[in-house]
Amino acid sequence: MPHRSVTIHFPPQSQPHILITRLSHIGDCVLTMPLVEALKRHWPNCRITWAMESPGPKLLAHHPAIDQILPIPRDYLKNPRAIWKLRAQLRAAKIDIAIDPQSLTKSAALGWLSGAPLRLGFGGRYGKELSPWLNNHRVIPSDSITHLVDRSLGLIDELIGQETKLPNQARLHLPLTEAATQWFVDQQVSGAIPQRYVVLNPGASWPSKRWENERWAEVAEHLANEHLSVVVTWAGAEEKAWAESIVNACGSQVMLAPDTTLLQLAALCHGSDFFLGCDTGPMHIAAAVGKRCVVLFGPTRPEDSGPYGPHHVCLQAWHQTEQSGKKKLAENRAMRDITVDQVVDSCQTVMKQGQTDNRWMIAGQTA
């Protein structure tokens, strides 16, 4: 397939209308925020429209760098009426640049429907399905660039140059809303949330990313013995049952979190000492509100999708590779090889070091 490239120059004082097509997965949307902020720094007067599936708008609609969120129905490509409606909306918006960090057919098609003269997406192994044919400028990341944040920023290097490079990885930031902050204050006043606690999030969307509830309960009991309460978070009936099994196996200092919206979860994470869990969207939310994270990895790698920024502790016994279509439903073999003692030790490291230590722990070794 020939590489097509379209170069269009927009000086810093211009006001381009930019479409972002990162449609799905809460964690990946959070990790796309540095790209949006970099665009706003370069073009303060630009207009950014972010095409996004539910529930992403509930978390990011208030972000000051986003001018508009365009809700996208799931499976819209199977609905000719939805396609036609989206095309009309996007053409009316007069999009100048479409940026496709997801680089799937469903995301690249929106840029193509918009008629944007410049449509940026990934080539090579990160350009999936039909996206390389729908995007007219393709970027192939260097093998040394692995994290999703850095790969996404690489899409706009040619547009805005080195301004995309973030010193010390310090630009991942999710602002809290007044309503979510007030909810948190009210919860603490009522005693539903303790004054000092750890957020434990045992859920994960892939079975291969999960750790056994019995092990989480052991870790929670260790933290409680250190006079640190544990708030176990959940979303949906299945995760609530997991969380309740952990709470029921522990003492009174381990408690079930209230039912939360995504923004309330962000406030709950912000008020905690640190976050403990697996490779999930809530982990990225916690990192984005400035919390240190202790994270267990099995089928994914922290250097690709770990909490972005300094001070986090990531544990991986070994990287469990499966064929792409089977990875989500695979057994959690690699996760089971992470021991309770390793997780407890990592939590104790975080409690002792506070925010002063800057390290990654992979395969139980400090890096």
Protein backbone atom coordinates (compact mmCIF):
# COMPACT_ATOMS: atom_id res chain seq x y z
CA MET A 1 0.00 0.00 0.00
CA PRO A 2 1.57 3.34 -0.98
CA HIS A 3 2.06 5.91 1.75
CA ARG A 4 0.00 9.00 1.07
CA SER A 5 0.95 12.19 2.85
CA VAL A 6 -0.84 15.53 2.88
CA THR A 7 0.99 18.48 4.43
CA ILE A 8 -1.07 21.50 5.43
CA HIS A 9 0.46 24.35 7.41
CA PHE A 10 -1.42 26.06 10.22
CA PRO A 11 0.59 28.82 11.93
CA PRO A 12 0.33 29.10 15.74
CA GLN A 13 -1.95 32.14 15.52
CA SER A 14 -4.50 30.32 13.36
CA GLN A 15 -7.77 28.81 14.57
CA PRO A 16 -8.12 25.32 13.08
CA HIS A 17 -11.09 23.13 13.95
CA ILE A 18 -9.66 19.79 15.10
CA LEU A 19 -11.53 16.50 15.41
CA ILE A 20 -10.23 13.84 17.83
CA THR A 21 -11.50 10.32 17.17
CA ARG A 22 -10.56 8.33 20.25
CA LEU A 23 -13.99 6.78 20.69
CA SER A 24 -13.84 4.19 23.41
CA HIS A 25 -12.26 2.76 26.58
CA ILE A 26 -12.18 5.15 29.52
CA GLY A 27 -8.50 4.56 30.29
CA ASP A 28 -7.43 5.20 26.70
CA CYS A 29 -9.51 8.38 26.58
CA VAL A 30 -7.82 9.61 29.77
CA LEU A 31 -4.43 8.86 28.20
CA THR A 32 -5.37 10.93 25.12
CA MET A 33 -5.82 14.11 27.20
CA PRO A 34 -2.13 15.14 26.91
CA LEU A 35 -2.52 15.22 23.12
CA VAL A 36 -5.54 17.51 23.41
CA GLU A 37 -3.74 19.78 25.85
CA ALA A 38 -0.69 19.95 23.57
CA LEU A 39 -2.89 21.09 20.69
CA LYS A 40 -4.42 23.81 22.85
CA ARG A 41 -1.00 25.03 23.95
CA HIS A 42 0.13 25.35 20.34
CA TRP A 43 -3.13 26.79 19.02
CA PRO A 44 -4.82 28.55 21.97
CA ASN A 45 -7.68 29.66 19.71
CA CYS A 46 -8.29 26.34 18.01
CA ARG A 47 -11.60 24.52 18.40
CA ILE A 48 -11.41 20.87 19.49
CA THR A 49 -14.29 18.48 18.95
CA TRP A 50 -13.85 15.02 20.44
CA ALA A 51 -15.92 12.19 18.98
CA MET A 52 -16.57 9.75 21.83
CA GLU A 53 -18.77 6.82 22.79
CA SER A 54 -20.51 6.51 26.15
CA PRO A 55 -19.54 6.70 29.00
CA GLY A 56 -16.53 8.88 28.13
CA PRO A 57 -18.47 12.17 27.93
CA LYS A 58 -19.55 11.78 31.54
CA LEU A 59 -15.91 11.95 32.61
CA LEU A 60 -14.40 14.45 30.18
CA ALA A 61 -17.16 16.86 29.12
CA HIS A 62 -15.94 19.48 31.63
CA HIS A 63 -12.29 19.37 30.53
CA PRO A 64 -11.21 22.95 29.67
CA ALA A 65 -9.26 21.89 26.57
CA ILE A 66 -12.31 20.28 24.95
CA ASP A 67 -14.73 22.65 23.21
CA GLN A 68 -17.31 20.06 22.22
CA ILE A 69 -17.93 16.34 22.62
CA LEU A 70 -19.72 14.65 19.74
CA PRO A 71 -21.56 11.57 21.06
CA ILE A 72 -21.06 8.56 18.81
CA PRO A 73 -23.50 5.63 18.91
CA ARG A 74 -21.88 2.24 19.36
CA ASP A 75 -21.84 0.23 16.12
CA TYR A 76 -22.80 3.33 14.15
CA LEU A 77 -21.19 1.82 11.04
CA LYS A 78 -23.99 -0.77 10.97
CA ASN A 79 -26.63 1.96 10.79
CA PRO A 80 -26.82 3.90 7.48
CA ARG A 81 -29.05 6.55 9.05
CA ALA A 82 -26.53 7.17 11.85
CA ILE A 83 -23.70 7.39 9.31
CA TRP A 84 -25.59 9.95 7.24
CA LYS A 85 -26.47 12.02 10.32
CA LEU A 86 -22.87 12.04 11.55
CA ARG A 87 -21.61 12.97 8.10
CA ALA A 88 -23.94 15.97 8.01
CA GLN A 89 -22.87 17.09 11.50
CA LEU A 90 -19.19 16.74 10.72
CA ARG A 91 -19.37 18.47 7.33
CA ALA A 92 -21.26 21.38 8.89
CA ALA A 93 -18.47 21.74 11.47
CA LYS A 94 -15.88 22.35 8.73
CA ILE A 95 -13.15 20.23 10.29
CA ASP A 96 -9.60 21.21 9.25
CA ILE A 97 -7.64 18.37 10.92
CA ALA A 98 -8.85 14.94 12.03
CA ILE A 99 -6.55 13.13 14.48
CA ASP A 100 -7.16 9.42 14.99
CA PRO A 101 -5.27 8.05 18.03
CA GLN A 102 -7.40 4.88 17.99
CA SER A 103 -6.72 4.04 14.32
CA LEU A 104 -9.55 1.56 13.83
CA THR A 105 -12.12 1.57 11.04
CA LYS A 106 -14.81 3.09 13.27
CA SER A 107 -12.58 5.99 14.35
CA ALA A 108 -10.87 6.68 11.01
CA ALA A 109 -14.21 6.62 9.19
CA LEU A 110 -15.36 9.67 11.16
CA GLY A 111 -12.38 11.68 9.97
CA TRP A 112 -13.08 10.58 6.41
CA LEU A 113 -16.78 11.45 6.73
CA SER A 114 -15.85 14.91 8.02
CA GLY A 115 -14.06 15.76 4.79
CA ALA A 116 -11.05 17.07 6.74
CA PRO A 117 -8.21 17.70 4.28
CA LEU A 118 -5.66 16.40 6.80
CA ARG A 119 -6.43 13.10 8.52
CA LEU A 120 -3.69 11.83 10.84
CA GLY A 121 -3.50 8.24 12.03
CA PHE A 122 -1.11 5.40 12.64
CA GLY A 123 0.57 3.21 10.09
CA GLY A 124 2.41 -0.05 10.66
CA ARG A 125 1.21 -2.36 13.43
CA TYR A 126 -0.75 0.39 15.17
CA GLY A 127 -2.85 1.19 12.08
CA LYS A 128 -5.63 -1.40 12.31
CA GLU A 129 -8.36 -2.59 9.96
CA LEU A 130 -9.25 0.00 7.27
CA SER A 131 -7.75 3.01 9.06
CA PRO A 132 -4.59 3.17 6.89
CA TRP A 133 -6.79 3.66 3.82
CA LEU A 134 -9.06 6.26 5.46
CA ASN A 135 -6.32 8.41 7.03
CA ASN A 136 -4.23 10.31 4.49
CA HIS A 137 -1.20 10.95 6.70
CA ARG A 138 0.14 7.97 8.60
CA VAL A 139 2.72 7.98 11.38
CA ILE A 140 4.73 4.86 12.25
CA PRO A 141 6.04 5.19 15.82
CA SER A 142 9.61 4.26 16.64
CA ASP A 143 9.99 0.90 18.39
CA SER A 144 11.34 2.82 21.39
CA ILE A 145 8.02 4.66 21.83
CA THR A 146 5.69 2.22 23.51
CA HIS A 147 3.36 4.04 25.91
CA LEU A 148 -0.02 5.06 24.51
CA VAL A 149 0.44 8.67 25.65
CA ASP A 150 3.77 9.04 23.85
CA ARG A 151 2.53 7.29 20.71
CA SER A 152 -0.51 9.58 20.58
CA LEU A 153 1.66 12.67 21.00
CA GLY A 154 3.83 11.41 18.15
CA LEU A 155 0.89 11.81 15.78
CA ILE A 156 1.20 15.59 15.98
CA ASP A 157 4.99 15.98 16.05
CA GLU A 158 5.02 17.23 12.45
CA LEU A 159 2.18 19.65 13.18
CA ILE A 160 3.52 21.34 16.30
CA GLY A 161 7.05 20.02 16.72
CA GLN A 162 8.75 19.44 20.02
CA GLU A 163 6.02 21.18 22.00
CA THR A 164 4.44 17.75 22.33
CA LYS A 165 7.31 16.53 24.49
CA LEU A 166 6.23 16.70 28.09
CA PRO A 167 8.98 17.25 30.67
CA ASN A 168 8.99 14.57 33.36
CA GLN A 169 5.68 13.19 32.08
CA ALA A 170 3.88 15.75 34.22
CA ARG A 171 0.98 16.79 31.99
CA LEU A 172 -1.58 14.05 32.56
CA HIS A 173 -4.24 15.90 34.51
CA LEU A 174 -7.95 15.37 35.04
CA PRO A 175 -9.63 18.33 36.75
CA LEU A 176 -12.34 17.63 39.29
CA THR A 177 -15.76 19.23 39.15
CA GLU A 178 -17.27 21.23 42.01
CA ALA A 179 -20.19 18.81 42.19
CA ALA A 180 -17.94 15.75 42.52
CA THR A 181 -15.79 17.49 45.13
CA GLN A 182 -18.86 18.45 47.15
CA TRP A 183 -20.15 14.86 46.93
CA PHE A 184 -16.83 13.67 48.38
CA VAL A 185 -16.98 16.17 51.23
CA ASP A 186 -20.55 15.13 52.04
CA GLN A 187 -19.56 11.45 52.04
CA GLN A 188 -16.76 12.09 54.52
CA VAL A 189 -18.95 14.23 56.75
CA SER A 190 -21.55 11.43 56.84
CA GLY A 191 -18.89 8.82 57.65
CA ALA A 192 -19.49 6.82 54.45
CA ILE A 193 -15.85 7.45 53.48
CA PRO A 194 -13.10 7.50 56.14
CA GLN A 195 -10.68 10.38 56.54
CA ARG A 196 -7.67 8.31 55.46
CA TYR A 197 -7.90 5.32 53.14
CA VAL A 198 -6.63 3.38 50.13
CA VAL A 199 -8.78 2.81 47.06
CA LEU A 200 -8.82 -0.87 46.10
CA ASN A 201 -10.33 -1.57 42.68
CA PRO A 202 -10.41 -5.36 42.11
CA GLY A 203 -12.33 -5.27 38.82
CA ALA A 204 -10.99 -5.55 35.29
CA SER A 205 -12.73 -5.90 31.95
CA TRP A 206 -10.57 -8.86 30.86
CA PRO A 207 -10.56 -12.12 32.85
CA SER A 208 -6.82 -12.34 32.13
CA LYS A 209 -6.25 -9.05 34.00
CA ARG A 210 -7.97 -10.11 37.22
CA TRP A 211 -6.46 -11.23 40.50
CA GLU A 212 -8.34 -13.50 42.91
CA ASN A 213 -10.68 -11.83 45.40
CA GLU A 214 -9.24 -13.95 48.21
CA ARG A 215 -5.81 -12.44 47.57
CA TRP A 216 -7.20 -8.92 47.46
CA ALA A 217 -8.80 -9.62 50.85
CA GLU A 218 -5.45 -10.70 52.29
CA VAL A 219 -3.79 -7.50 51.07
CA ALA A 220 -6.68 -5.40 52.40
CA GLU A 221 -6.32 -7.01 55.84
CA HIS A 222 -2.58 -6.22 55.85
CA LEU A 223 -3.35 -2.57 55.07
CA ALA A 224 -5.99 -2.48 57.80
CA ASN A 225 -3.42 -3.82 60.25
CA GLU A 226 -1.29 -0.80 59.30
CA HIS A 227 -4.20 1.37 60.53
CA LEU A 228 -5.14 2.35 56.99
CA SER A 229 -8.74 1.91 55.89
CA VAL A 230 -9.52 0.35 52.50
CA VAL A 231 -12.42 1.45 50.29
CA VAL A 232 -13.28 -1.20 47.69
CA THR A 233 -14.70 0.29 44.49
CA TRP A 234 -16.96 -1.32 41.94
CA ALA A 235 -19.15 -0.69 38.88
CA GLY A 236 -22.12 -2.88 38.01
CA ALA A 237 -23.64 -5.90 39.70
CA GLU A 238 -20.81 -8.34 38.96
CA GLU A 239 -18.07 -6.08 40.30
CA LYS A 240 -20.19 -5.21 43.32
CA ALA A 241 -20.41 -8.91 44.17
CA TRP A 242 -16.62 -9.19 43.93
CA ALA A 243 -16.18 -6.13 46.13
CA GLU A 244 -18.66 -7.44 48.71
CA SER A 245 -16.83 -10.78 48.90
CA ILE A 246 -13.61 -8.91 49.72
CA VAL A 247 -15.28 -6.70 52.33
CA ASN A 248 -17.07 -9.65 53.95
CA ALA A 249 -13.77 -11.50 54.35
CA CYS A 250 -12.18 -8.58 56.21
CA GLY A 251 -12.67 -6.48 59.31
CA SER A 252 -14.45 -3.18 59.74
CA GLN A 253 -11.65 -1.07 58.27
CA VAL A 254 -12.31 -2.56 54.83
CA MET A 255 -15.53 -1.15 53.44
CA LEU A 256 -17.59 -1.07 50.27
CA ALA A 257 -17.44 2.15 48.28
CA PRO A 258 -20.69 4.00 47.60
CA ASP A 259 -22.18 3.72 44.13
CA THR A 260 -20.27 6.37 42.16
CA THR A 261 -20.34 8.17 38.85
CA LEU A 262 -17.04 8.41 36.99
CA LEU A 263 -16.48 11.94 38.28
CA GLN A 264 -17.28 10.87 41.85
CA LEU A 265 -14.82 8.00 41.43
CA ALA A 266 -12.20 10.56 40.39
CA ALA A 267 -12.90 12.56 43.55
CA LEU A 268 -12.76 9.39 45.67
CA CYS A 269 -9.37 8.50 44.17
CA HIS A 270 -8.11 12.05 44.64
CA GLY A 271 -8.87 11.92 48.35
CA SER A 272 -7.08 8.60 48.91
CA ASP A 273 -3.54 7.84 50.02
CA PHE A 274 -2.97 5.73 46.90
CA PHE A 275 -4.73 3.46 44.39
CA LEU A 276 -4.37 -0.33 44.29
CA GLY A 277 -5.66 -2.46 41.42
CA CYS A 278 -5.12 -3.86 37.93
CA ASP A 279 -4.72 -2.39 34.45
CA THR A 280 -8.11 -0.66 34.22
CA GLY A 281 -9.77 2.67 33.46
CA PRO A 282 -10.10 3.56 37.17
CA MET A 283 -6.33 3.17 37.53
CA HIS A 284 -5.76 5.78 34.80
CA ILE A 285 -8.34 8.06 36.42
CA ALA A 286 -6.45 7.78 39.73
CA ALA A 287 -3.13 8.63 38.07
CA ALA A 288 -4.74 11.57 36.26
CA VAL A 289 -5.95 13.11 39.54
CA GLY A 290 -2.45 12.88 40.97
CA LYS A 291 -2.59 9.67 42.97
CA ARG A 292 0.21 7.18 43.20
CA CYS A 293 -0.76 3.72 41.93
CA VAL A 294 0.23 0.16 42.78
CA VAL A 295 -0.81 -1.88 39.74
CA LEU A 296 -0.71 -5.59 38.85
CA PHE A 297 -0.06 -6.56 35.22
CA GLY A 298 -0.44 -9.86 33.37
CA PRO A 299 -1.45 -9.78 29.67
CA THR A 300 -0.48 -6.12 29.19
CA ARG A 301 2.77 -4.31 29.90
CA PRO A 302 3.23 -1.25 32.13
CA GLU A 303 5.53 0.35 29.57
CA ASP A 304 2.64 0.25 27.08
CA SER A 305 -0.41 1.03 29.18
CA GLY A 306 0.74 1.58 32.75
CA PRO A 307 -0.07 4.60 34.92
CA TYR A 308 1.55 7.57 33.20
CA GLY A 309 4.01 9.66 35.15
CA PRO A 310 6.40 9.21 38.06
CA HIS A 311 6.00 7.59 41.47
CA HIS A 312 3.96 4.53 40.46
CA VAL A 313 4.75 0.91 41.34
CA CYS A 314 3.92 -1.74 38.74
CA LEU A 315 4.18 -5.48 39.39
CA GLN A 316 4.47 -8.08 36.66
CA ALA A 317 5.71 -11.63 37.19
CA TRP A 318 5.92 -12.19 33.44
CA HIS A 319 4.17 -10.92 30.33
CA GLN A 320 1.39 -13.28 29.33
CA THR A 321 1.18 -13.14 25.54
CA GLU A 322 -1.75 -14.68 23.71
CA GLN A 323 -3.08 -14.33 20.21
CA SER A 324 -4.83 -10.98 19.91
CA GLY A 325 -8.34 -12.38 19.77
CA LYS A 326 -7.78 -14.64 22.78
CA LYS A 327 -5.93 -12.29 25.12
CA LYS A 328 -9.05 -10.84 26.75
CA LEU A 329 -10.58 -14.20 27.63
CA ALA A 330 -7.39 -16.04 28.51
CA GLU A 331 -6.81 -17.44 32.00
CA ASN A 332 -5.07 -15.09 34.43
CA ARG A 333 -1.96 -17.25 34.63
CA ALA A 334 0.55 -14.40 34.81
CA MET A 335 -1.56 -12.52 37.34
CA ARG A 336 -1.67 -15.56 39.64
CA ASP A 337 2.14 -15.61 39.72
CA ILE A 338 2.14 -12.25 41.50
CA THR A 339 2.14 -13.07 45.21
CA VAL A 340 0.31 -11.46 48.10
CA ASP A 341 3.66 -10.71 49.76
CA GLN A 342 4.86 -8.81 46.67
CA VAL A 343 1.75 -6.66 46.62
CA VAL A 344 1.91 -6.00 50.38
CA ASP A 345 5.58 -5.05 50.09
CA SER A 346 4.77 -2.65 47.24
CA CYS A 347 2.02 -1.02 49.28
CA GLN A 348 4.38 -0.62 52.22
CA THR A 349 6.94 0.98 49.89
CA VAL A 350 4.36 3.51 48.78
CA MET A 351 3.29 4.25 52.35
CA LYS A 352 6.89 4.78 53.48
CA GLN A 353 8.14 6.74 50.48
CA GLY A 354 5.11 8.94 49.95
CA GLN A 355 5.47 11.05 46.82
CA THR A 356 9.28 11.29 46.96
CA ASP A 357 10.27 7.99 45.39
CA ASN A 358 10.20 7.64 41.60
CA ARG A 359 10.36 4.04 40.53
CA TRP A 360 8.84 1.27 38.47
CA MET A 361 8.85 -2.27 39.77
CA ILE A 362 8.61 -4.90 37.06
CA ALA A 363 8.94 -8.60 37.72
CA GLY A 364 9.53 -7.72 41.36
CA GLN A 365 12.68 -5.73 40.63
CA THR A 366 13.24 -2.00 40.93
CA ALA A 367 13.88 -0.18 37.68
